């Protein structure tokens, strides 16, 4: 189903020079004025669950979930052939633990994750991000990086039981559901969006990065 796009909501995120970094796409020009973000709006297709998802090689796929354990379990099960493509802050934090001062772990993790994804995009390789949050800012960060390399962008939302969703995450999750179901993730730059819940999570057996099959 082809989804019509609507103008994205206006957002203003300001950081001081010491706080600048993380997921913000706000970057100042040399003259001090903020540069205008590139328009990443696309038409979004809301997909139906299937047993196998095929994405173009070099794509960005973001796996979103309010429960990190379910997110990671889904990634391990469906991306058996492409585990090297799966990147996430949790994994990098674990690698840095005990190797750098605790107060530097978060900053270093963000830097290393960015560098790893950038390197894969430069090489034409696929990138699967195990999203750390449900916030727009994180999605925007990765979409804009992929858009710089003209890579297709895709979102998969893994639903969980209500008791697995924290009160803090509930507003962001509800907004994400609404935007996904209405096709508004196209406003954020996603070409396709897929929402999986209950038995449909198990129906998807494999995610692969393959060119479209040639017509015989």
Protein backbone atom coordinates (compact mmCIF):
# COMPACT_ATOMS: atom_id res chain seq x y z
CA UNK A 1 0.00 0.00 0.00
CA UNK A 2 1.43 3.37 -0.94
CA UNK A 3 1.33 5.96 1.80
CA UNK A 4 0.80 9.66 1.23
CA UNK A 5 3.12 11.89 3.22
CA UNK A 6 2.23 14.91 5.31
CA UNK A 7 4.51 17.76 6.39
CA UNK A 8 6.57 16.57 9.38
CA UNK A 9 5.95 18.23 12.73
CA UNK A 10 8.13 21.22 13.54
CA UNK A 11 10.83 20.36 16.06
CA UNK A 12 13.41 22.58 17.67
CA UNK A 13 16.30 21.02 19.56
CA UNK A 14 19.02 23.33 20.84
CA UNK A 15 22.28 22.31 22.46
CA UNK A 16 25.12 24.27 23.96
CA UNK A 17 28.60 23.73 22.51
CA UNK A 18 29.45 21.27 25.33
CA UNK A 19 26.24 19.26 24.88
CA UNK A 20 26.29 19.09 21.10
CA UNK A 21 26.53 15.51 19.86
CA UNK A 22 24.55 12.32 20.32
CA UNK A 23 21.54 11.96 18.06
CA UNK A 24 20.93 15.63 17.22
CA UNK A 25 20.99 16.54 13.53
CA UNK A 26 21.50 20.20 14.48
CA UNK A 27 24.86 21.29 13.09
CA UNK A 28 25.98 24.96 12.90
CA UNK A 29 27.58 26.51 9.83
CA UNK A 30 30.94 28.25 10.20
CA UNK A 31 29.20 31.61 10.33
CA UNK A 32 27.33 30.43 13.43
CA UNK A 33 23.89 30.11 11.82
CA UNK A 34 22.33 26.62 11.94
CA UNK A 35 22.42 24.85 8.58
CA UNK A 36 19.10 23.86 7.09
CA UNK A 37 18.56 20.08 7.36
CA UNK A 38 18.18 18.24 4.06
CA UNK A 39 14.66 17.14 3.12
CA UNK A 40 14.58 13.34 3.59
CA UNK A 41 10.81 13.00 3.08
CA UNK A 42 9.80 10.00 0.95
CA UNK A 43 6.72 7.95 0.17
CA UNK A 44 6.33 5.17 2.70
CA UNK A 45 4.90 1.70 2.13
CA UNK A 46 3.36 0.11 5.22
CA UNK A 47 4.16 -3.57 4.79
CA UNK A 48 2.21 -6.64 5.88
CA UNK A 49 3.94 -9.43 7.84
CA UNK A 50 5.43 -12.24 5.80
CA UNK A 51 7.80 -15.15 6.42
CA UNK A 52 10.74 -13.50 4.65
CA UNK A 53 11.72 -9.87 4.20
CA UNK A 54 14.01 -8.91 1.32
CA UNK A 55 15.77 -5.55 1.38
CA UNK A 56 18.15 -4.04 -1.16
CA UNK A 57 21.83 -4.58 -0.27
CA UNK A 58 23.24 -1.46 1.39
CA UNK A 59 19.95 -0.56 3.07
CA UNK A 60 19.41 0.82 6.54
CA UNK A 61 17.01 -1.22 8.68
CA UNK A 62 16.08 0.09 12.12
CA UNK A 63 14.68 -2.42 14.61
CA UNK A 64 12.59 -0.56 17.17
CA UNK A 65 11.10 -1.97 20.37
CA UNK A 66 10.33 -0.84 23.92
CA UNK A 67 12.01 -4.06 25.15
CA UNK A 68 15.72 -4.43 24.34
CA UNK A 69 15.71 -8.18 25.00
CA UNK A 70 12.93 -8.78 22.44
CA UNK A 71 14.62 -6.47 19.95
CA UNK A 72 17.90 -8.38 20.21
CA UNK A 73 16.21 -11.80 20.14
CA UNK A 74 14.41 -10.83 16.94
CA UNK A 75 17.64 -9.58 15.34
CA UNK A 76 19.54 -12.78 16.21
CA UNK A 77 16.77 -15.02 14.90
CA UNK A 78 16.01 -13.27 11.62
CA UNK A 79 19.45 -12.00 10.63
CA UNK A 80 21.46 -15.21 10.95
CA UNK A 81 23.29 -14.55 7.66
CA UNK A 82 23.98 -10.88 8.43
CA UNK A 83 24.92 -10.57 12.12
CA UNK A 84 27.88 -8.36 11.19
CA UNK A 85 25.36 -5.80 9.92
CA UNK A 86 23.65 -5.52 13.32
CA UNK A 87 24.92 -2.50 15.26
CA UNK A 88 23.71 -1.00 18.50
CA UNK A 89 24.77 1.03 21.49
CA UNK A 90 24.20 -1.85 23.92
CA UNK A 91 26.75 -3.96 22.07
CA UNK A 92 29.32 -1.16 21.95
CA UNK A 93 28.78 -0.26 25.61
CA UNK A 94 29.55 -3.87 26.50
CA UNK A 95 32.78 -3.77 24.51
CA UNK A 96 33.90 -0.56 26.23
CA UNK A 97 32.98 -1.57 29.78
CA UNK A 98 36.14 -1.73 31.88
CA UNK A 99 38.29 -0.37 29.06
CA UNK A 100 37.48 3.32 29.34
CA UNK A 101 36.41 5.42 32.35
CA UNK A 102 32.74 4.91 33.13
CA UNK A 103 31.92 8.57 32.57
CA UNK A 104 33.30 8.33 29.01
CA UNK A 105 31.53 5.14 27.96
CA UNK A 106 28.41 6.79 26.51
CA UNK A 107 30.26 9.39 24.46
CA UNK A 108 32.76 6.86 23.14
CA UNK A 109 30.00 4.36 22.34
CA UNK A 110 28.15 6.92 20.20
CA UNK A 111 31.36 7.84 18.38
CA UNK A 112 32.33 4.23 17.66
CA UNK A 113 28.83 3.27 16.55
CA UNK A 114 28.69 6.22 14.16
CA UNK A 115 32.10 5.32 12.74
CA UNK A 116 31.14 1.66 12.23
CA UNK A 117 27.89 2.53 10.45
CA UNK A 118 29.58 5.19 8.31
CA UNK A 119 32.25 2.70 7.25
CA UNK A 120 29.64 0.12 6.24
CA UNK A 121 27.62 2.67 4.26
CA UNK A 122 30.78 3.82 2.48
CA UNK A 123 31.50 0.21 1.53
CA UNK A 124 27.97 -0.29 0.20
CA UNK A 125 27.11 -2.70 3.02
CA UNK A 126 23.81 -3.00 4.83
CA UNK A 127 23.36 -1.51 8.30
CA UNK A 128 20.87 -2.83 10.87
CA UNK A 129 20.47 -0.56 13.89
CA UNK A 130 19.12 -2.05 17.11
CA UNK A 131 17.57 1.24 18.21
CA UNK A 132 18.42 2.37 21.72
CA UNK A 133 15.26 4.46 22.12
CA UNK A 134 11.87 5.08 20.54
CA UNK A 135 12.57 8.77 20.13
CA UNK A 136 12.40 10.64 16.82
CA UNK A 137 15.86 12.13 17.33
CA UNK A 138 17.59 8.76 17.17
CA UNK A 139 15.69 7.69 14.05
CA UNK A 140 16.45 11.03 12.41
CA UNK A 141 20.16 10.62 13.11
CA UNK A 142 20.39 7.29 11.29
CA UNK A 143 18.04 8.21 8.46
CA UNK A 144 20.12 11.27 7.64
CA UNK A 145 23.36 9.29 7.69
CA UNK A 146 21.88 6.70 5.31
CA UNK A 147 20.42 9.44 3.10
CA UNK A 148 23.88 10.94 2.63
CA UNK A 149 24.81 7.70 0.86
CA UNK A 150 21.42 7.45 -0.91
CA UNK A 151 20.59 4.21 0.87
CA UNK A 152 17.02 2.89 1.23
CA UNK A 153 15.67 3.23 4.77
CA UNK A 154 13.32 0.79 6.51
CA UNK A 155 11.74 0.55 9.98
CA UNK A 156 10.52 -2.53 11.87
CA UNK A 157 8.60 -2.10 15.13
CA UNK A 158 8.56 -5.11 17.46
CA UNK A 159 5.63 -4.91 19.86
CA UNK A 160 5.71 -6.48 23.33
CA UNK A 161 3.21 -7.12 26.11
CA UNK A 162 1.94 -4.03 27.89
CA UNK A 163 3.70 -4.94 31.13
CA UNK A 164 7.04 -4.86 29.28
CA UNK A 165 6.61 -1.20 28.33
CA UNK A 166 7.82 1.33 30.86
CA UNK A 167 5.70 4.35 31.68
CA UNK A 168 8.49 6.56 30.32
CA UNK A 169 8.41 4.80 26.93
CA UNK A 170 4.63 4.68 26.54
CA UNK A 171 4.10 8.17 25.01
CA UNK A 172 6.90 7.69 22.46
CA UNK A 173 5.61 4.21 21.60
CA UNK A 174 2.06 5.43 21.06
CA UNK A 175 3.30 8.23 18.81
CA UNK A 176 5.49 5.81 16.85
CA UNK A 177 2.58 3.41 16.35
CA UNK A 178 0.37 6.23 15.12
CA UNK A 179 2.97 7.52 12.68
CA UNK A 180 3.75 4.04 11.39
CA UNK A 181 0.14 2.96 10.88
CA UNK A 182 -0.75 6.22 9.10
CA UNK A 183 2.29 6.08 6.81
CA UNK A 184 3.82 9.19 8.38
CA UNK A 185 7.21 7.52 8.82
CA UNK A 186 7.71 8.60 5.23
CA UNK A 187 7.95 12.12 6.64
CA UNK A 188 10.94 10.89 8.64
CA UNK A 189 12.59 9.39 5.57
CA UNK A 190 11.61 5.71 5.80
CA UNK A 191 10.70 4.01 2.52
CA UNK A 192 8.95 1.10 4.25
CA UNK A 193 7.61 0.37 7.72
CA UNK A 194 6.55 -2.92 9.28
CA UNK A 195 4.80 -3.48 12.62
CA UNK A 196 4.98 -6.92 14.22
CA UNK A 197 3.07 -8.05 17.28
CA UNK A 198 2.00 -11.32 18.88
CA UNK A 199 2.15 -14.30 16.48
CA UNK A 200 3.24 -12.13 13.53
CA UNK A 201 6.66 -11.73 15.16
CA UNK A 202 7.28 -15.47 14.78
CA UNK A 203 5.91 -15.52 11.24
CA UNK A 204 8.89 -13.54 9.98
CA UNK A 205 11.61 -16.18 9.77
CA UNK A 206 14.37 -14.39 7.89
CA UNK A 207 15.57 -10.97 6.80
CA UNK A 208 17.92 -10.97 3.82
CA UNK A 209 19.66 -8.33 1.75
CA UNK A 210 19.35 -9.43 -1.85
CA UNK A 211 18.73 -7.66 -5.17
CA UNK A 212 15.21 -8.07 -6.56
CA UNK A 213 14.87 -11.37 -8.44
CA UNK A 214 15.30 -11.08 -12.20
CA UNK A 215 12.31 -11.89 -14.35
CA UNK A 216 12.77 -15.20 -16.11
